[in-house]
């Protein structure tokens, strides 16, 4: 349990962080507007591998990245939005999801390649 003063400091930092995020954010992958409830921060290089830089993505786009790629692949090859767009599976997914409404969400499954590991 945190104290009253610590809670106030945490709330102030959360409010400041939310104030910095603009209302109309565009997903760099699918280029659709991300509703606030669907915003996910994606570490371009996984946090477990020392990455700090993040980009805001649709939740469905973010989950699809992690369903198709391992952390090692993200670190070595797919550490930018441009290289993510070039991945064959993600390119097919992006083409499919572009026609969906901004708030569209569907369950994402791990690729069979990653499930067999």
N, C-alpha and C. Protein backbone atom coordinates (compact mmCIF):
# COMPACT_ATOMS: atom_id res chain seq x y z
N UNK A 1 0.85 -1.18 0.00
CA UNK A 1 0.00 0.00 0.00
C UNK A 1 0.89 1.24 0.00
N UNK A 2 0.54 2.20 -0.82
CA UNK A 2 1.33 3.42 -0.87
C UNK A 2 0.67 4.52 -0.07
N UNK A 3 1.50 5.43 0.37
CA UNK A 3 1.00 6.54 1.17
C UNK A 3 0.31 7.59 0.32
N UNK A 4 -0.35 8.51 0.98
CA UNK A 4 -1.12 9.56 0.32
C UNK A 4 -0.22 10.44 -0.54
N UNK A 5 0.94 10.83 -0.05
CA UNK A 5 1.84 11.71 -0.79
C UNK A 5 2.39 10.99 -2.02
N UNK A 6 2.78 9.74 -1.85
CA UNK A 6 3.31 8.98 -2.98
C UNK A 6 2.23 8.79 -4.05
N UNK A 7 0.99 8.53 -3.63
CA UNK A 7 -0.11 8.39 -4.59
C UNK A 7 -0.32 9.68 -5.36
N UNK A 8 -0.25 10.83 -4.68
CA UNK A 8 -0.42 12.12 -5.36
C UNK A 8 0.69 12.35 -6.38
N UNK A 9 1.93 12.01 -6.03
CA UNK A 9 3.05 12.16 -6.98
C UNK A 9 2.86 11.25 -8.19
N UNK A 10 2.46 10.01 -7.94
CA UNK A 10 2.22 9.07 -9.05
C UNK A 10 1.10 9.58 -9.95
N UNK A 11 0.02 10.05 -9.35
CA UNK A 11 -1.11 10.55 -10.13
C UNK A 11 -0.68 11.76 -10.96
N UNK A 12 0.13 12.64 -10.38
CA UNK A 12 0.60 13.82 -11.12
C UNK A 12 1.47 13.41 -12.31
N UNK A 13 2.33 12.40 -12.12
CA UNK A 13 3.17 11.96 -13.24
C UNK A 13 2.34 11.28 -14.31
N UNK A 14 1.32 10.52 -13.92
CA UNK A 14 0.43 9.88 -14.91
C UNK A 14 -0.35 10.94 -15.68
N UNK A 15 -0.85 11.95 -14.97
CA UNK A 15 -1.60 13.02 -15.64
C UNK A 15 -0.70 13.77 -16.62
N UNK A 16 0.55 14.00 -16.24
CA UNK A 16 1.48 14.69 -17.13
C UNK A 16 1.78 13.84 -18.36
N UNK A 17 1.94 12.55 -18.17
CA UNK A 17 2.21 11.65 -19.30
C UNK A 17 1.02 11.61 -20.25
N UNK A 18 -0.20 11.57 -19.71
CA UNK A 18 -1.39 11.56 -20.55
C UNK A 18 -1.57 12.88 -21.30
N UNK A 19 -1.17 13.98 -20.68
CA UNK A 19 -1.29 15.29 -21.33
C UNK A 19 -0.35 15.39 -22.53
N UNK A 20 0.78 14.67 -22.50
CA UNK A 20 1.74 14.72 -23.60
C UNK A 20 1.29 13.91 -24.80
N UNK A 21 0.38 12.94 -24.61
CA UNK A 21 -0.09 12.09 -25.71
C UNK A 21 -1.22 12.82 -26.42
N UNK A 22 -1.06 13.11 -27.71
CA UNK A 22 -2.14 13.80 -28.44
C UNK A 22 -3.35 12.88 -28.62
N UNK A 23 -4.51 13.49 -28.82
CA UNK A 23 -5.75 12.71 -28.95
C UNK A 23 -5.79 11.89 -30.24
N UNK A 24 -5.41 12.49 -31.35
CA UNK A 24 -5.47 11.80 -32.64
C UNK A 24 -4.08 11.30 -33.02
N UNK A 25 -3.83 10.05 -32.67
CA UNK A 25 -2.55 9.42 -32.98
C UNK A 25 -2.77 8.46 -34.13
N UNK A 26 -1.88 8.48 -35.11
CA UNK A 26 -1.97 7.59 -36.25
C UNK A 26 -1.00 6.44 -36.07
N UNK A 27 -1.46 5.23 -36.31
CA UNK A 27 -0.62 4.04 -36.22
C UNK A 27 0.37 4.05 -37.38
N UNK A 28 1.67 3.97 -37.10
CA UNK A 28 2.64 3.99 -38.18
C UNK A 28 2.62 2.74 -39.06
N UNK A 29 2.04 1.65 -38.57
CA UNK A 29 1.97 0.42 -39.37
C UNK A 29 0.79 0.46 -40.34
N UNK A 30 -0.41 0.57 -39.81
CA UNK A 30 -1.60 0.48 -40.67
C UNK A 30 -2.11 1.85 -41.11
N UNK A 31 -1.56 2.91 -40.54
CA UNK A 31 -1.89 4.30 -40.89
C UNK A 31 -3.36 4.65 -40.66
N UNK A 32 -3.96 4.03 -39.63
CA UNK A 32 -5.31 4.38 -39.19
C UNK A 32 -5.20 5.13 -37.87
N UNK A 33 -6.20 5.94 -37.54
CA UNK A 33 -6.21 6.67 -36.27
C UNK A 33 -6.44 5.68 -35.14
N UNK A 34 -5.66 5.81 -34.05
CA UNK A 34 -5.76 4.90 -32.91
C UNK A 34 -6.65 5.52 -31.84
N UNK A 35 -7.79 4.89 -31.52
CA UNK A 35 -8.60 5.39 -30.40
C UNK A 35 -7.81 5.25 -29.09
N UNK A 36 -8.01 6.13 -28.13
CA UNK A 36 -7.25 6.07 -26.88
C UNK A 36 -7.30 4.70 -26.19
N UNK A 37 -8.41 4.00 -26.28
CA UNK A 37 -8.52 2.69 -25.62
C UNK A 37 -7.73 1.60 -26.34
N UNK A 38 -7.31 1.86 -27.58
CA UNK A 38 -6.61 0.85 -28.38
C UNK A 38 -5.12 1.16 -28.53
N UNK A 39 -4.58 2.14 -27.80
CA UNK A 39 -3.17 2.53 -27.93
C UNK A 39 -2.27 1.61 -27.12
N UNK A 40 -1.25 1.05 -27.78
CA UNK A 40 -0.24 0.23 -27.13
C UNK A 40 1.14 0.79 -27.48
N UNK A 41 2.02 0.87 -26.51
CA UNK A 41 3.39 1.30 -26.77
C UNK A 41 4.23 0.07 -27.10
N UNK A 42 4.88 0.11 -28.25
CA UNK A 42 5.72 -1.01 -28.69
C UNK A 42 7.18 -0.58 -28.62
N UNK A 43 8.01 -1.36 -27.91
CA UNK A 43 9.44 -1.12 -27.88
C UNK A 43 10.03 -1.63 -29.19
N UNK A 44 10.66 -0.75 -29.97
CA UNK A 44 11.24 -1.18 -31.24
C UNK A 44 12.30 -2.25 -31.04
N UNK A 45 13.14 -2.07 -30.04
CA UNK A 45 14.04 -3.13 -29.58
C UNK A 45 13.45 -3.57 -28.24
N UNK A 46 13.21 -4.87 -28.05
CA UNK A 46 12.54 -5.32 -26.81
C UNK A 46 13.23 -4.78 -25.56
N UNK A 47 12.41 -4.45 -24.60
CA UNK A 47 12.89 -3.90 -23.33
C UNK A 47 13.85 -4.87 -22.65
N UNK A 48 13.58 -6.17 -22.78
CA UNK A 48 14.43 -7.19 -22.16
C UNK A 48 15.81 -7.24 -22.80
N UNK A 49 15.95 -6.62 -23.97
CA UNK A 49 17.23 -6.60 -24.67
C UNK A 49 17.83 -5.20 -24.71
N UNK A 50 17.37 -4.34 -23.80
CA UNK A 50 17.96 -3.02 -23.64
C UNK A 50 17.30 -1.91 -24.43
N UNK A 51 16.16 -2.16 -25.04
CA UNK A 51 15.49 -1.14 -25.84
C UNK A 51 14.76 -0.11 -24.99
N UNK A 52 14.74 1.12 -25.47
CA UNK A 52 14.06 2.21 -24.76
C UNK A 52 13.03 2.91 -25.64
N UNK A 53 13.31 3.03 -26.93
CA UNK A 53 12.45 3.79 -27.83
C UNK A 53 11.15 3.05 -28.10
N UNK A 54 10.03 3.77 -27.98
CA UNK A 54 8.72 3.16 -28.22
C UNK A 54 7.96 3.94 -29.28
N UNK A 55 7.01 3.27 -29.90
CA UNK A 55 6.06 3.90 -30.81
C UNK A 55 4.66 3.44 -30.41
N UNK A 56 3.67 4.32 -30.62
CA UNK A 56 2.29 3.95 -30.32
C UNK A 56 1.69 3.22 -31.51
N UNK A 57 1.09 2.07 -31.25
CA UNK A 57 0.47 1.25 -32.28
C UNK A 57 -0.94 0.87 -31.85
N UNK A 58 -1.76 0.45 -32.83
CA UNK A 58 -3.04 -0.17 -32.49
C UNK A 58 -2.74 -1.43 -31.69
N UNK A 59 -3.59 -1.76 -30.77
CA UNK A 59 -3.39 -2.97 -29.97
C UNK A 59 -3.32 -4.22 -30.86
N UNK A 60 -4.17 -4.29 -31.88
CA UNK A 60 -4.18 -5.46 -32.76
C UNK A 60 -2.88 -5.55 -33.57
N UNK A 61 -2.35 -4.41 -34.01
CA UNK A 61 -1.08 -4.40 -34.75
C UNK A 61 0.07 -4.84 -33.83
N UNK A 62 0.07 -4.34 -32.61
CA UNK A 62 1.11 -4.68 -31.65
C UNK A 62 1.09 -6.17 -31.34
N UNK A 63 -0.08 -6.71 -31.12
CA UNK A 63 -0.18 -8.14 -30.83
C UNK A 63 0.23 -9.00 -32.02
N UNK A 64 -0.07 -8.53 -33.22
CA UNK A 64 0.31 -9.28 -34.41
C UNK A 64 1.83 -9.34 -34.56
N UNK A 65 2.51 -8.26 -34.24
CA UNK A 65 3.97 -8.24 -34.29
C UNK A 65 4.53 -9.34 -33.38
N UNK A 66 4.04 -9.39 -32.15
CA UNK A 66 4.56 -10.37 -31.19
C UNK A 66 4.06 -11.79 -31.47
N UNK A 67 2.99 -11.92 -32.24
CA UNK A 67 2.52 -13.24 -32.63
C UNK A 67 3.39 -13.82 -33.75
N UNK A 68 4.00 -12.95 -34.55
CA UNK A 68 4.78 -13.42 -35.69
C UNK A 68 6.29 -13.45 -35.45
N UNK A 69 6.78 -12.60 -34.58
CA UNK A 69 8.23 -12.44 -34.43
C UNK A 69 8.70 -12.69 -33.01
N UNK A 70 9.90 -13.25 -32.88
CA UNK A 70 10.51 -13.45 -31.57
C UNK A 70 11.22 -12.17 -31.15
N UNK A 71 11.60 -12.09 -29.89
CA UNK A 71 12.34 -10.93 -29.41
C UNK A 71 13.70 -10.82 -30.10
N UNK A 72 14.33 -11.95 -30.36
CA UNK A 72 15.63 -11.93 -31.05
C UNK A 72 15.48 -11.37 -32.46
N UNK A 73 14.43 -11.76 -33.16
CA UNK A 73 14.19 -11.24 -34.52
C UNK A 73 13.89 -9.75 -34.48
N UNK A 74 13.13 -9.33 -33.48
CA UNK A 74 12.83 -7.90 -33.34
C UNK A 74 14.10 -7.10 -33.10
N UNK A 75 14.98 -7.63 -32.27
CA UNK A 75 16.22 -6.91 -31.96
C UNK A 75 17.15 -6.86 -33.17
N UNK A 76 17.34 -7.97 -33.85
CA UNK A 76 18.33 -8.06 -34.92
C UNK A 76 17.87 -7.45 -36.24
N UNK A 77 16.64 -7.76 -36.64
CA UNK A 77 16.22 -7.44 -38.00
C UNK A 77 15.10 -6.41 -38.07
N UNK A 78 14.13 -6.49 -37.19
CA UNK A 78 12.92 -5.68 -37.30
C UNK A 78 12.86 -4.61 -36.21
N UNK A 79 13.88 -3.77 -36.14
CA UNK A 79 13.96 -2.78 -35.06
C UNK A 79 13.50 -1.39 -35.51
N UNK A 80 12.77 -1.31 -36.62
CA UNK A 80 12.18 -0.04 -37.04
C UNK A 80 10.83 -0.32 -37.69
N UNK A 81 10.02 0.71 -37.80
CA UNK A 81 8.70 0.56 -38.40
C UNK A 81 8.83 0.16 -39.87
N UNK A 82 9.80 0.73 -40.57
CA UNK A 82 9.99 0.44 -41.99
C UNK A 82 10.31 -1.04 -42.21
N UNK A 83 11.18 -1.61 -41.38
CA UNK A 83 11.52 -3.02 -41.55
C UNK A 83 10.36 -3.93 -41.13
N UNK A 84 9.57 -3.50 -40.15
CA UNK A 84 8.38 -4.27 -39.77
C UNK A 84 7.39 -4.35 -40.94
N UNK A 85 7.23 -3.24 -41.66
CA UNK A 85 6.32 -3.20 -42.80
C UNK A 85 6.77 -4.14 -43.91
N UNK A 86 8.07 -4.42 -43.99
CA UNK A 86 8.60 -5.27 -45.05
C UNK A 86 8.46 -6.75 -44.75
N UNK A 87 8.17 -7.12 -43.51
CA UNK A 87 7.98 -8.53 -43.16
C UNK A 87 6.76 -9.05 -43.92
N UNK A 88 6.90 -10.21 -44.55
CA UNK A 88 5.85 -10.75 -45.42
C UNK A 88 4.52 -10.94 -44.68
N UNK A 89 4.57 -11.57 -43.52
CA UNK A 89 3.35 -11.81 -42.75
C UNK A 89 2.70 -10.53 -42.26
N UNK A 90 3.50 -9.58 -41.81
CA UNK A 90 2.95 -8.31 -41.35
C UNK A 90 2.40 -7.49 -42.51
N UNK A 91 3.04 -7.56 -43.68
CA UNK A 91 2.54 -6.83 -44.85
C UNK A 91 1.15 -7.34 -45.24
N UNK A 92 0.96 -8.65 -45.20
CA UNK A 92 -0.37 -9.22 -45.48
C UNK A 92 -1.38 -8.75 -44.44
N UNK A 93 -0.98 -8.79 -43.16
CA UNK A 93 -1.86 -8.36 -42.08
C UNK A 93 -2.23 -6.89 -42.24
N UNK A 94 -1.26 -6.03 -42.55
CA UNK A 94 -1.51 -4.59 -42.69
C UNK A 94 -2.50 -4.34 -43.83
N UNK A 95 -2.32 -5.05 -44.95
CA UNK A 95 -3.25 -4.91 -46.06
C UNK A 95 -4.67 -5.30 -45.67
N UNK A 96 -4.80 -6.33 -44.82
CA UNK A 96 -6.11 -6.78 -44.37
C UNK A 96 -6.74 -5.81 -43.39
N UNK A 97 -5.95 -5.34 -42.41
CA UNK A 97 -6.52 -4.53 -41.32
C UNK A 97 -6.80 -3.09 -41.76
N UNK A 98 -6.18 -2.61 -42.83
CA UNK A 98 -6.42 -1.23 -43.29
C UNK A 98 -7.89 -0.98 -43.63
N UNK A 99 -8.60 -1.99 -44.05
CA UNK A 99 -10.01 -1.83 -44.41
C UNK A 99 -10.96 -1.91 -43.24
N UNK A 100 -10.45 -2.14 -42.05
CA UNK A 100 -11.29 -2.28 -40.86
C UNK A 100 -11.49 -0.92 -40.18
N UNK A 101 -12.55 -0.78 -39.36
CA UNK A 101 -12.76 0.46 -38.60
C UNK A 101 -11.60 0.69 -37.61
N UNK A 102 -11.41 1.94 -37.20
CA UNK A 102 -10.31 2.30 -36.30
C UNK A 102 -10.35 1.53 -34.99
N UNK A 103 -11.54 1.26 -34.47
CA UNK A 103 -11.64 0.59 -33.17
C UNK A 103 -11.79 -0.93 -33.29
N UNK A 104 -11.51 -1.49 -34.47
CA UNK A 104 -11.62 -2.93 -34.70
C UNK A 104 -10.59 -3.68 -33.87
N UNK A 105 -11.02 -4.79 -33.25
CA UNK A 105 -10.10 -5.65 -32.52
C UNK A 105 -10.56 -7.09 -32.65
N UNK A 106 -9.62 -7.97 -32.86
CA UNK A 106 -9.90 -9.39 -32.96
C UNK A 106 -8.79 -10.14 -32.24
N UNK A 107 -9.11 -11.29 -31.71
CA UNK A 107 -8.13 -12.11 -31.01
C UNK A 107 -6.98 -12.47 -31.95
N UNK A 108 -5.76 -12.41 -31.44
CA UNK A 108 -4.57 -12.73 -32.22
C UNK A 108 -3.97 -14.02 -31.70
N UNK A 109 -3.58 -14.90 -32.61
CA UNK A 109 -2.95 -16.16 -32.22
C UNK A 109 -1.49 -16.16 -32.61
N UNK A 110 -0.67 -16.84 -31.81
CA UNK A 110 0.74 -17.01 -32.14
C UNK A 110 0.86 -17.76 -33.44
N UNK A 111 1.89 -17.45 -34.23
CA UNK A 111 2.11 -18.19 -35.46
C UNK A 111 2.52 -19.62 -35.11
N UNK A 112 2.25 -20.53 -36.00
CA UNK A 112 2.57 -21.92 -35.74
C UNK A 112 4.09 -22.11 -35.58
N UNK A 113 4.86 -21.32 -36.30
CA UNK A 113 6.30 -21.38 -36.19
C UNK A 113 6.77 -21.10 -34.75
N UNK A 114 6.13 -20.12 -34.09
CA UNK A 114 6.52 -19.79 -32.70
C UNK A 114 5.92 -20.76 -31.70
N UNK A 115 4.76 -21.33 -31.99
CA UNK A 115 4.15 -22.28 -31.07
C UNK A 115 4.94 -23.58 -30.98
N UNK A 116 5.62 -23.96 -32.04
CA UNK A 116 6.36 -25.22 -32.06
C UNK A 116 7.69 -25.15 -31.30
N UNK A 117 8.11 -23.97 -30.90
CA UNK A 117 9.39 -23.80 -30.18
C UNK A 117 9.30 -24.28 -28.77
